[in-house]
Amino acid sequence: SPALSGLPDRGAVLLVHGFGASWRHWRHTIPALSAAGF
């Protein structure tokens, strides 16, 4: 998920899920971090 346009690039964040889960378990995290410029 790219950082929202118009924000300074704060670098990359890589999210690693837990047992039995998947990247979809970050469903509420990804939009918030993207909106913060990551």
PDB file of all heavy atoms in Angstrom:
ATOM      1  N   SER A   1       0.852  -1.171   0.000  1.00  0.00           N
ATOM      2  CA  SER A   1       0.000   0.000   0.000  1.00  0.00           C
ATOM      3  C   SER A   1       0.894   1.229   0.000  1.00  0.00           C
ATOM      4  O   SER A   1       1.581   1.498   0.991  1.00  0.00           O
ATOM      5  CB  SER A   1      -0.912   0.009   1.233  1.00  0.00           C
ATOM      6  OG  SER A   1      -1.742   1.146   1.240  1.00  0.00           O
ATOM      7  N   PRO A   2       0.951   1.971  -1.094  1.00  0.00           N
ATOM      8  CA  PRO A   2       1.833   3.139  -1.136  1.00  0.00           C
ATOM      9  C   PRO A   2       1.372   4.219  -0.174  1.00  0.00           C
ATOM     10  O   PRO A   2       0.189   4.297   0.181  1.00  0.00           O
ATOM     11  CB  PRO A   2       1.722   3.606  -2.593  1.00  0.00           C
ATOM     12  CG  PRO A   2       0.400   3.099  -3.056  1.00  0.00           C
ATOM     13  CD  PRO A   2       0.170   1.807  -2.337  1.00  0.00           C
ATOM     14  N   ALA A   3       2.311   5.066   0.242  1.00  0.00           N
ATOM     15  CA  ALA A   3       1.952   6.204   1.075  1.00  0.00           C
ATOM     16  C   ALA A   3       1.019   7.128   0.300  1.00  0.00           C
ATOM     17  O   ALA A   3       1.110   7.245  -0.922  1.00  0.00           O
ATOM     18  CB  ALA A   3       3.215   6.964   1.499  1.00  0.00           C
ATOM     19  N   LEU A   4       0.111   7.764   1.001  1.00  0.00           N
ATOM     20  CA  LEU A   4      -0.816   8.672   0.345  1.00  0.00           C
ATOM     21  C   LEU A   4      -0.059   9.831  -0.297  1.00  0.00           C
ATOM     22  O   LEU A   4       0.917  10.330   0.257  1.00  0.00           O
ATOM     23  CB  LEU A   4      -1.840   9.203   1.351  1.00  0.00           C
ATOM     24  CG  LEU A   4      -2.796   8.159   1.960  1.00  0.00           C
ATOM     25  CD1 LEU A   4      -3.833   8.853   2.822  1.00  0.00           C
ATOM     26  CD2 LEU A   4      -3.481   7.341   0.869  1.00  0.00           C
ATOM     27  N   SER A   5      -0.505  10.228  -1.483  1.00  0.00           N
ATOM     28  CA  SER A   5       0.173  11.302  -2.203  1.00  0.00           C
ATOM     29  C   SER A   5       0.120  12.600  -1.408  1.00  0.00           C
ATOM     30  O   SER A   5      -0.838  12.868  -0.676  1.00  0.00           O
ATOM     31  CB  SER A   5      -0.497  11.501  -3.565  1.00  0.00           C
ATOM     32  OG  SER A   5      -1.859  11.849  -3.414  1.00  0.00           O
ATOM     33  N   GLY A   6       1.170  13.379  -1.539  1.00  0.00           N
ATOM     34  CA  GLY A   6       1.249  14.658  -0.849  1.00  0.00           C
ATOM     35  C   GLY A   6       1.910  14.592   0.507  1.00  0.00           C
ATOM     36  O   GLY A   6       2.158  15.630   1.131  1.00  0.00           O
ATOM     37  N   LEU A   7       2.210  13.376   0.977  1.00  0.00           N
ATOM     38  CA  LEU A   7       2.869  13.215   2.269  1.00  0.00           C
ATOM     39  C   LEU A   7       4.347  12.907   2.062  1.00  0.00           C
ATOM     40  O   LEU A   7       4.729  12.281   1.067  1.00  0.00           O
ATOM     41  CB  LEU A   7       2.219  12.072   3.062  1.00  0.00           C
ATOM     42  CG  LEU A   7       0.772  12.265   3.509  1.00  0.00           C
ATOM     43  CD1 LEU A   7       0.261  10.996   4.176  1.00  0.00           C
ATOM     44  CD2 LEU A   7       0.644  13.443   4.461  1.00  0.00           C
ATOM     45  N   PRO A   8       5.193  13.312   2.995  1.00  0.00           N
ATOM     46  CA  PRO A   8       6.604  12.928   2.890  1.00  0.00           C
ATOM     47  C   PRO A   8       6.751  11.418   3.035  1.00  0.00           C
ATOM     48  O   PRO A   8       6.017  10.788   3.804  1.00  0.00           O
ATOM     49  CB  PRO A   8       7.253  13.661   4.065  1.00  0.00           C
ATOM     50  CG  PRO A   8       6.136  13.930   5.024  1.00  0.00           C
ATOM     51  CD  PRO A   8       4.921  14.145   4.178  1.00  0.00           C
ATOM     52  N   ASP A   9       7.678  10.841   2.277  1.00  0.00           N
ATOM     53  CA  ASP A   9       7.911   9.401   2.338  1.00  0.00           C
ATOM     54  C   ASP A   9       8.631   9.063   3.640  1.00  0.00           C
ATOM     55  O   ASP A   9       9.771   9.462   3.858  1.00  0.00           O
ATOM     56  CB  ASP A   9       8.752   8.965   1.137  1.00  0.00           C
ATOM     57  CG  ASP A   9       8.937   7.456   1.074  1.00  0.00           C
ATOM     58  OD1 ASP A   9       8.518   6.756   2.024  1.00  0.00           O
ATOM     59  OD2 ASP A   9       9.509   6.967   0.093  1.00  0.00           O
ATOM     60  N   ARG A  10       7.969   8.332   4.508  1.00  0.00           N
ATOM     61  CA  ARG A  10       8.543   7.971   5.805  1.00  0.00           C
ATOM     62  C   ARG A  10       9.219   6.602   5.781  1.00  0.00           C
ATOM     63  O   ARG A  10       9.600   6.083   6.821  1.00  0.00           O
ATOM     64  CB  ARG A  10       7.463   8.007   6.889  1.00  0.00           C
ATOM     65  CG  ARG A  10       6.870   9.404   7.107  1.00  0.00           C
ATOM     66  CD  ARG A  10       5.899   9.411   8.274  1.00  0.00           C
ATOM     67  NE  ARG A  10       5.337  10.727   8.513  1.00  0.00           N
ATOM     68  CZ  ARG A  10       5.918  11.689   9.225  1.00  0.00           C
ATOM     69  NH1 ARG A  10       7.120  11.477   9.758  1.00  0.00           N
ATOM     70  NH2 ARG A  10       5.320  12.848   9.396  1.00  0.00           N
ATOM     71  N   GLY A  11       9.369   6.012   4.612  1.00  0.00           N
ATOM     72  CA  GLY A  11      10.041   4.730   4.506  1.00  0.00           C
ATOM     73  C   GLY A  11       9.064   3.576   4.498  1.00  0.00           C
ATOM     74  O   GLY A  11       7.844   3.746   4.497  1.00  0.00           O
ATOM     75  N   ALA A  12       9.625   2.370   4.486  1.00  0.00           N
ATOM     76  CA  ALA A  12       8.826   1.154   4.350  1.00  0.00           C
ATOM     77  C   ALA A  12       8.607   0.483   5.695  1.00  0.00           C
ATOM     78  O   ALA A  12       9.491   0.462   6.558  1.00  0.00           O
ATOM     79  CB  ALA A  12       9.509   0.182   3.393  1.00  0.00           C
ATOM     80  N   VAL A  13       7.420  -0.093   5.839  1.00  0.00           N
ATOM     81  CA  VAL A  13       7.076  -0.926   6.995  1.00  0.00           C
ATOM     82  C   VAL A  13       6.623  -2.271   6.462  1.00  0.00           C
ATOM     83  O   VAL A  13       5.784  -2.333   5.552  1.00  0.00           O
ATOM     84  CB  VAL A  13       5.955  -0.294   7.843  1.00  0.00           C
ATOM     85  CG1 VAL A  13       5.574  -1.215   8.997  1.00  0.00           C
ATOM     86  CG2 VAL A  13       6.375   1.068   8.374  1.00  0.00           C
ATOM     87  N   LEU A  14       7.183  -3.344   7.005  1.00  0.00           N
ATOM     88  CA  LEU A  14       6.810  -4.701   6.600  1.00  0.00           C
ATOM     89  C   LEU A  14       6.108  -5.380   7.770  1.00  0.00           C
ATOM     90  O   LEU A  14       6.676  -5.494   8.865  1.00  0.00           O
ATOM     91  CB  LEU A  14       8.053  -5.493   6.180  1.00  0.00           C
ATOM     92  CG  LEU A  14       7.858  -6.957   5.771  1.00  0.00           C
ATOM     93  CD1 LEU A  14       6.795  -7.108   4.702  1.00  0.00           C
ATOM     94  CD2 LEU A  14       9.189  -7.540   5.284  1.00  0.00           C
ATOM     95  N   LEU A  15       4.877  -5.820   7.546  1.00  0.00           N
ATOM     96  CA  LEU A  15       4.035  -6.426   8.576  1.00  0.00           C
ATOM     97  C   LEU A  15       4.088  -7.950   8.457  1.00  0.00           C
ATOM     98  O   LEU A  15       3.930  -8.496   7.366  1.00  0.00           O
ATOM     99  CB  LEU A  15       2.595  -5.948   8.423  1.00  0.00           C
ATOM    100  CG  LEU A  15       2.381  -4.421   8.381  1.00  0.00           C
ATOM    101  CD1 LEU A  15       0.923  -4.100   8.067  1.00  0.00           C
ATOM    102  CD2 LEU A  15       2.806  -3.780   9.688  1.00  0.00           C
ATOM    103  N   VAL A  16       4.285  -8.635   9.600  1.00  0.00           N
ATOM    104  CA  VAL A  16       4.405 -10.096   9.619  1.00  0.00           C
ATOM    105  C   VAL A  16       3.331 -10.666  10.538  1.00  0.00           C
ATOM    106  O   VAL A  16       3.318 -10.386  11.746  1.00  0.00           O
ATOM    107  CB  VAL A  16       5.804 -10.540  10.090  1.00  0.00           C
ATOM    108  CG1 VAL A  16       5.965 -12.047   9.897  1.00  0.00           C
ATOM    109  CG2 VAL A  16       6.900  -9.784   9.346  1.00  0.00           C
ATOM    110  N   HIS A  17       2.433 -11.451   9.973  1.00  0.00           N
ATOM    111  CA  HIS A  17       1.276 -11.973  10.710  1.00  0.00           C
ATOM    112  C   HIS A  17       1.651 -13.121  11.638  1.00  0.00           C
ATOM    113  O   HIS A  17       2.771 -13.648  11.611  1.00  0.00           O
ATOM    114  CB  HIS A  17       0.209 -12.438   9.714  1.00  0.00           C
ATOM    115  CG  HIS A  17       0.656 -13.611   8.872  1.00  0.00           C
ATOM    116  ND1 HIS A  17       0.666 -14.901   9.330  1.00  0.00           N
ATOM    117  CD2 HIS A  17       1.129 -13.669   7.589  1.00  0.00           C
ATOM    118  CE1 HIS A  17       1.101 -15.722   8.382  1.00  0.00           C
ATOM    119  NE2 HIS A  17       1.401 -15.001   7.305  1.00  0.00           N
ATOM    120  N   GLY A  18       0.672 -13.543  12.441  1.00  0.00           N
ATOM    121  CA  GLY A  18       0.860 -14.634  13.380  1.00  0.00           C
ATOM    122  C   GLY A  18       0.348 -15.966  12.865  1.00  0.00           C
ATOM    123  O   GLY A  18      -0.085 -16.103  11.714  1.00  0.00           O
ATOM    124  N   PHE A  19       0.369 -16.974  13.749  1.00  0.00           N
ATOM    125  CA  PHE A  19      -0.037 -18.327  13.398  1.00  0.00           C
ATOM    126  C   PHE A  19      -1.504 -18.358  12.939  1.00  0.00           C
ATOM    127  O   PHE A  19      -2.382 -17.780  13.570  1.00  0.00           O
ATOM    128  CB  PHE A  19       0.138 -19.273  14.592  1.00  0.00           C
ATOM    129  CG  PHE A  19      -0.450 -20.630  14.372  1.00  0.00           C
ATOM    130  CD1 PHE A  19       0.150 -21.517  13.499  1.00  0.00           C
ATOM    131  CD2 PHE A  19      -1.623 -21.009  15.006  1.00  0.00           C
ATOM    132  CE1 PHE A  19      -0.400 -22.773  13.265  1.00  0.00           C
ATOM    133  CE2 PHE A  19      -2.178 -22.263  14.789  1.00  0.00           C
ATOM    134  CZ  PHE A  19      -1.567 -23.147  13.922  1.00  0.00           C
ATOM    135  N   GLY A  20      -1.727 -19.050  11.825  1.00  0.00           N
ATOM    136  CA  GLY A  20      -3.076 -19.232  11.314  1.00  0.00           C
ATOM    137  C   GLY A  20      -3.648 -18.024  10.603  1.00  0.00           C
ATOM    138  O   GLY A  20      -4.780 -18.087  10.108  1.00  0.00           O
ATOM    139  N   ALA A  21      -2.902 -16.934  10.552  1.00  0.00           N
ATOM    140  CA  ALA A  21      -3.418 -15.706   9.971  1.00  0.00           C
ATOM    141  C   ALA A  21      -2.797 -15.472   8.594  1.00  0.00           C
ATOM    142  O   ALA A  21      -2.247 -16.385   7.964  1.00  0.00           O
ATOM    143  CB  ALA A  21      -3.162 -14.523  10.903  1.00  0.00           C
ATOM    144  N   SER A  22      -2.879 -14.235   8.126  1.00  0.00           N
ATOM    145  CA  SER A  22      -2.371 -13.858   6.812  1.00  0.00           C
ATOM    146  C   SER A  22      -2.209 -12.346   6.804  1.00  0.00           C
ATOM    147  O   SER A  22      -2.495 -11.672   7.805  1.00  0.00           O
ATOM    148  CB  SER A  22      -3.359 -14.282   5.716  1.00  0.00           C
ATOM    149  OG  SER A  22      -4.581 -13.546   5.844  1.00  0.00           O
ATOM    150  N   TRP A  23      -1.782 -11.793   5.652  1.00  0.00           N
ATOM    151  CA  TRP A  23      -1.647 -10.341   5.598  1.00  0.00           C
ATOM    152  C   TRP A  23      -2.983  -9.654   5.827  1.00  0.00           C
ATOM    153  O   TRP A  23      -3.033  -8.498   6.267  1.00  0.00           O
ATOM    154  CB  TRP A  23      -1.020  -9.891   4.282  1.00  0.00           C
ATOM    155  CG  TRP A  23      -1.842 -10.087   3.042  1.00  0.00           C
ATOM    156  CD1 TRP A  23      -1.690 -11.066   2.109  1.00  0.00           C
ATOM    157  CD2 TRP A  23      -2.926  -9.263   2.577  1.00  0.00           C
ATOM    158  NE1 TRP A  23      -2.621 -10.918   1.097  1.00  0.00           N
ATOM    159  CE2 TRP A  23      -3.383  -9.809   1.357  1.00  0.00           C
ATOM    160  CE3 TRP A  23      -3.552  -8.119   3.070  1.00  0.00           C
ATOM    161  CZ2 TRP A  23      -4.445  -9.260   0.641  1.00  0.00           C
ATOM    162  CZ3 TRP A  23      -4.617  -7.569   2.351  1.00  0.00           C
ATOM    163  CH2 TRP A  23      -5.043  -8.136   1.155  1.00  0.00           C
ATOM    164  N   ARG A  24      -4.082 -10.330   5.589  1.00  0.00           N
ATOM    165  CA  ARG A  24      -5.403  -9.728   5.778  1.00  0.00           C
ATOM    166  C   ARG A  24      -5.698  -9.426   7.244  1.00  0.00           C
ATOM    167  O   ARG A  24      -6.615  -8.646   7.547  1.00  0.00           O
ATOM    168  CB  ARG A  24      -6.485 -10.633   5.180  1.00  0.00           C
ATOM    169  CG  ARG A  24      -6.433 -10.693   3.663  1.00  0.00           C
ATOM    170  CD  ARG A  24      -7.401 -11.711   3.096  1.00  0.00           C
ATOM    171  NE  ARG A  24      -7.439 -11.653   1.637  1.00  0.00           N
ATOM    172  CZ  ARG A  24      -6.547 -12.199   0.834  1.00  0.00           C
ATOM    173  NH1 ARG A  24      -5.525 -12.862   1.355  1.00  0.00           N
ATOM    174  NH2 ARG A  24      -6.645 -12.090  -0.469  1.00  0.00           N
ATOM    175  N   HIS A  25      -4.942 -10.023   8.135  1.00  0.00           N
ATOM    176  CA  HIS A  25      -5.146  -9.737   9.558  1.00  0.00           C
ATOM    177  C   HIS A  25      -4.700  -8.320   9.917  1.00  0.00           C
ATOM    178  O   HIS A  25      -5.004  -7.826  11.004  1.00  0.00           O
ATOM    179  CB  HIS A  25      -4.388 -10.757  10.417  1.00  0.00           C
ATOM    180  CG  HIS A  25      -4.938 -10.906  11.796  1.00  0.00           C
ATOM    181  ND1 HIS A  25      -4.186 -11.388  12.846  1.00  0.00           N
ATOM    182  CD2 HIS A  25      -6.162 -10.635  12.309  1.00  0.00           C
ATOM    183  CE1 HIS A  25      -4.911 -11.406  13.934  1.00  0.00           C
ATOM    184  NE2 HIS A  25      -6.123 -10.962  13.642  1.00  0.00           N
ATOM    185  N   TRP A  26      -4.006  -7.657   8.990  1.00  0.00           N
ATOM    186  CA  TRP A  26      -3.602  -6.261   9.174  1.00  0.00           C
ATOM    187  C   TRP A  26      -4.612  -5.333   8.502  1.00  0.00           C
ATOM    188  O   TRP A  26      -4.282  -4.219   8.114  1.00  0.00           O
ATOM    189  CB  TRP A  26      -2.210  -6.045   8.588  1.00  0.00           C
ATOM    190  CG  TRP A  26      -1.155  -6.902   9.195  1.00  0.00           C
ATOM    191  CD1 TRP A  26      -0.584  -8.019   8.641  1.00  0.00           C
ATOM    192  CD2 TRP A  26      -0.525  -6.736  10.473  1.00  0.00           C
ATOM    193  NE1 TRP A  26       0.350  -8.552   9.497  1.00  0.00           N
ATOM    194  CE2 TRP A  26       0.411  -7.779  10.630  1.00  0.00           C
ATOM    195  CE3 TRP A  26      -0.668  -5.788  11.497  1.00  0.00           C
ATOM    196  CZ2 TRP A  26       1.208  -7.914  11.769  1.00  0.00           C
ATOM    197  CZ3 TRP A  26       0.112  -5.928  12.634  1.00  0.00           C
ATOM    198  CH2 TRP A  26       1.033  -6.975  12.762  1.00  0.00           C
ATOM    199  N   ARG A  27      -5.849  -5.759   8.370  1.00  0.00           N
ATOM    200  CA  ARG A  27      -6.874  -5.014   7.640  1.00  0.00           C
ATOM    201  C   ARG A  27      -7.106  -3.611   8.196  1.00  0.00           C
ATOM    202  O   ARG A  27      -7.457  -2.694   7.443  1.00  0.00           O
ATOM    203  CB  ARG A  27      -8.192  -5.816   7.659  1.00  0.00           C
ATOM    204  CG  ARG A  27      -8.674  -6.153   9.080  1.00  0.00           C
ATOM    205  CD  ARG A  27      -9.856  -7.073   9.106  1.00  0.00           C
ATOM    206  NE  ARG A  27     -10.213  -7.434  10.484  1.00  0.00           N
ATOM    207  CZ  ARG A  27     -11.440  -7.753  10.867  1.00  0.00           C
ATOM    208  NH1 ARG A  27     -12.436  -7.737   9.985  1.00  0.00           N
ATOM    209  NH2 ARG A  27     -11.676  -8.079  12.121  1.00  0.00           N
ATOM    210  N   HIS A  28      -6.922  -3.419   9.502  1.00  0.00           N
ATOM    211  CA  HIS A  28      -7.116  -2.099  10.102  1.00  0.00           C
ATOM    212  C   HIS A  28      -5.799  -1.338  10.272  1.00  0.00           C
ATOM    213  O   HIS A  28      -5.827  -0.143  10.576  1.00  0.00           O
ATOM    214  CB  HIS A  28      -7.787  -2.236  11.469  1.00  0.00           C
ATOM    215  CG  HIS A  28      -9.118  -2.926  11.420  1.00  0.00           C
ATOM    216  ND1 HIS A  28     -10.180  -2.450  10.686  1.00  0.00           N
ATOM    217  CD2 HIS A  28      -9.554  -4.068  12.010  1.00  0.00           C
ATOM    218  CE1 HIS A  28     -11.219  -3.262  10.832  1.00  0.00           C
ATOM    219  NE2 HIS A  28     -10.863  -4.246  11.620  1.00  0.00           N
ATOM    220  N   THR A  29      -4.681  -2.026  10.091  1.00  0.00           N
ATOM    221  CA  THR A  29      -3.366  -1.408  10.287  1.00  0.00           C
ATOM    222  C   THR A  29      -2.852  -0.768   9.008  1.00  0.00           C
ATOM    223  O   THR A  29      -2.308   0.341   9.028  1.00  0.00           O
ATOM    224  CB  THR A  29      -2.354  -2.468  10.773  1.00  0.00           C
ATOM    225  OG1 THR A  29      -2.897  -3.178  11.889  1.00  0.00           O
ATOM    226  CG2 THR A  29      -1.040  -1.825  11.168  1.00  0.00           C
ATOM    227  N   ILE A  30      -3.006  -1.470   7.894  1.00  0.00           N
ATOM    228  CA  ILE A  30      -2.445  -0.998   6.629  1.00  0.00           C
ATOM    229  C   ILE A  30      -2.969   0.389   6.247  1.00  0.00           C
ATOM    230  O   ILE A  30      -2.167   1.278   5.927  1.00  0.00           O
ATOM    231  CB  ILE A  30      -2.707  -2.025   5.507  1.00  0.00           C
ATOM    232  CG1 ILE A  30      -1.919  -3.317   5.784  1.00  0.00           C
ATOM    233  CG2 ILE A  30      -2.322  -1.460   4.147  1.00  0.00           C
ATOM    234  CD1 ILE A  30      -2.239  -4.472   4.834  1.00  0.00           C
ATOM    235  N   PRO A  31      -4.286   0.645   6.287  1.00  0.00           N
ATOM    236  CA  PRO A  31      -4.748   1.985   5.900  1.00  0.00           C
ATOM    237  C   PRO A  31      -4.214   3.087   6.810  1.00  0.00           C
ATOM    238  O   PRO A  31      -3.878   4.179   6.323  1.00  0.00           O
ATOM    239  CB  PRO A  31      -6.276   1.875   6.016  1.00  0.00           C
ATOM    240  CG  PRO A  31      -6.577   0.424   5.934  1.00  0.00           C
ATOM    241  CD  PRO A  31      -5.412  -0.262   6.582  1.00  0.00           C
ATOM    242  N   ALA A  32      -4.102   2.813   8.114  1.00  0.00           N
ATOM    243  CA  ALA A  32      -3.625   3.838   9.043  1.00  0.00           C
ATOM    244  C   ALA A  32      -2.170   4.179   8.791  1.00  0.00           C
ATOM    245  O   ALA A  32      -1.778   5.358   8.834  1.00  0.00           O
ATOM    246  CB  ALA A  32      -3.820   3.360  10.481  1.00  0.00           C
ATOM    247  N   LEU A  33      -1.340   3.188   8.528  1.00  0.00           N
ATOM    248  CA  LEU A  33       0.082   3.451   8.292  1.00  0.00           C
ATOM    249  C   LEU A  33       0.293   4.116   6.933  1.00  0.00           C
ATOM    250  O   LEU A  33       1.147   4.994   6.797  1.00  0.00           O
ATOM    251  CB  LEU A  33       0.884   2.154   8.377  1.00  0.00           C
ATOM    252  CG  LEU A  33       0.861   1.423   9.726  1.00  0.00           C
ATOM    253  CD1 LEU A  33       1.849   0.263   9.718  1.00  0.00           C
ATOM    254  CD2 LEU A  33       1.153   2.370  10.884  1.00  0.00           C
ATOM    255  N   SER A  34      -0.486   3.697   5.949  1.00  0.00           N
ATOM    256  CA  SER A  34      -0.394   4.333   4.636  1.00  0.00           C
ATOM    257  C   SER A  34      -0.788   5.805   4.733  1.00  0.00           C
ATOM    258  O   SER A  34      -0.133   6.679   4.140  1.00  0.00           O
ATOM    259  CB  SER A  34      -1.300   3.601   3.644  1.00  0.00           C
ATOM    260  OG  SER A  34      -1.246   4.186   2.366  1.00  0.00           O
ATOM    261  N   ALA A  35      -1.833   6.092   5.495  1.00  0.00           N
ATOM    262  CA  ALA A  35      -2.285   7.473   5.664  1.00  0.00           C
ATOM    263  C   ALA A  35      -1.280   8.314   6.426  1.00  0.00           C
ATOM    264  O   ALA A  35      -1.301   9.550   6.332  1.00  0.00           O
ATOM    265  CB  ALA A  35      -3.635   7.487   6.387  1.00  0.00           C
ATOM    266  N   ALA A  36      -0.390   7.666   7.180  1.00  0.00           N
ATOM    267  CA  ALA A  36       0.633   8.388   7.943  1.00  0.00           C
ATOM    268  C   ALA A  36       1.916   8.602   7.149  1.00  0.00           C
ATOM    269  O   ALA A  36       2.881   9.164   7.672  1.00  0.00           O
ATOM    270  CB  ALA A  36       0.948   7.637   9.236  1.00  0.00           C
ATOM    271  N   GLY A  37       1.945   8.136   5.892  1.00  0.00           N
ATOM    272  CA  GLY A  37       3.095   8.403   5.045  1.00  0.00           C
ATOM    273  C   GLY A  37       4.049   7.247   4.841  1.00  0.00           C
ATOM    274  O   GLY A  37       5.126   7.426   4.267  1.00  0.00           O
ATOM    275  N   PHE A  38       3.672   6.057   5.283  1.00  0.00           N
ATOM    276  CA  PHE A  38       4.544   4.890   5.133  1.00  0.00           C
ATOM    277  C   PHE A  38       4.161   4.079   3.906  1.00  0.00           C
ATOM    278  O   PHE A  38       2.991   3.986   3.542  1.00  0.00           O
ATOM    279  CB  PHE A  38       4.467   3.995   6.373  1.00  0.00           C
ATOM    280  CG  PHE A  38       4.968   4.642   7.625  1.00  0.00           C
ATOM    281  CD1 PHE A  38       4.078   5.205   8.528  1.00  0.00           C
ATOM    282  CD2 PHE A  38       6.325   4.706   7.894  1.00  0.00           C
ATOM    283  CE1 PHE A  38       4.532   5.816   9.685  1.00  0.00           C
ATOM    284  CE2 PHE A  38       6.787   5.316   9.048  1.00  0.00           C
ATOM    285  CZ  PHE A  38       5.891   5.881   9.952  1.00  0.00           C
TER     286      PHE A  38
END
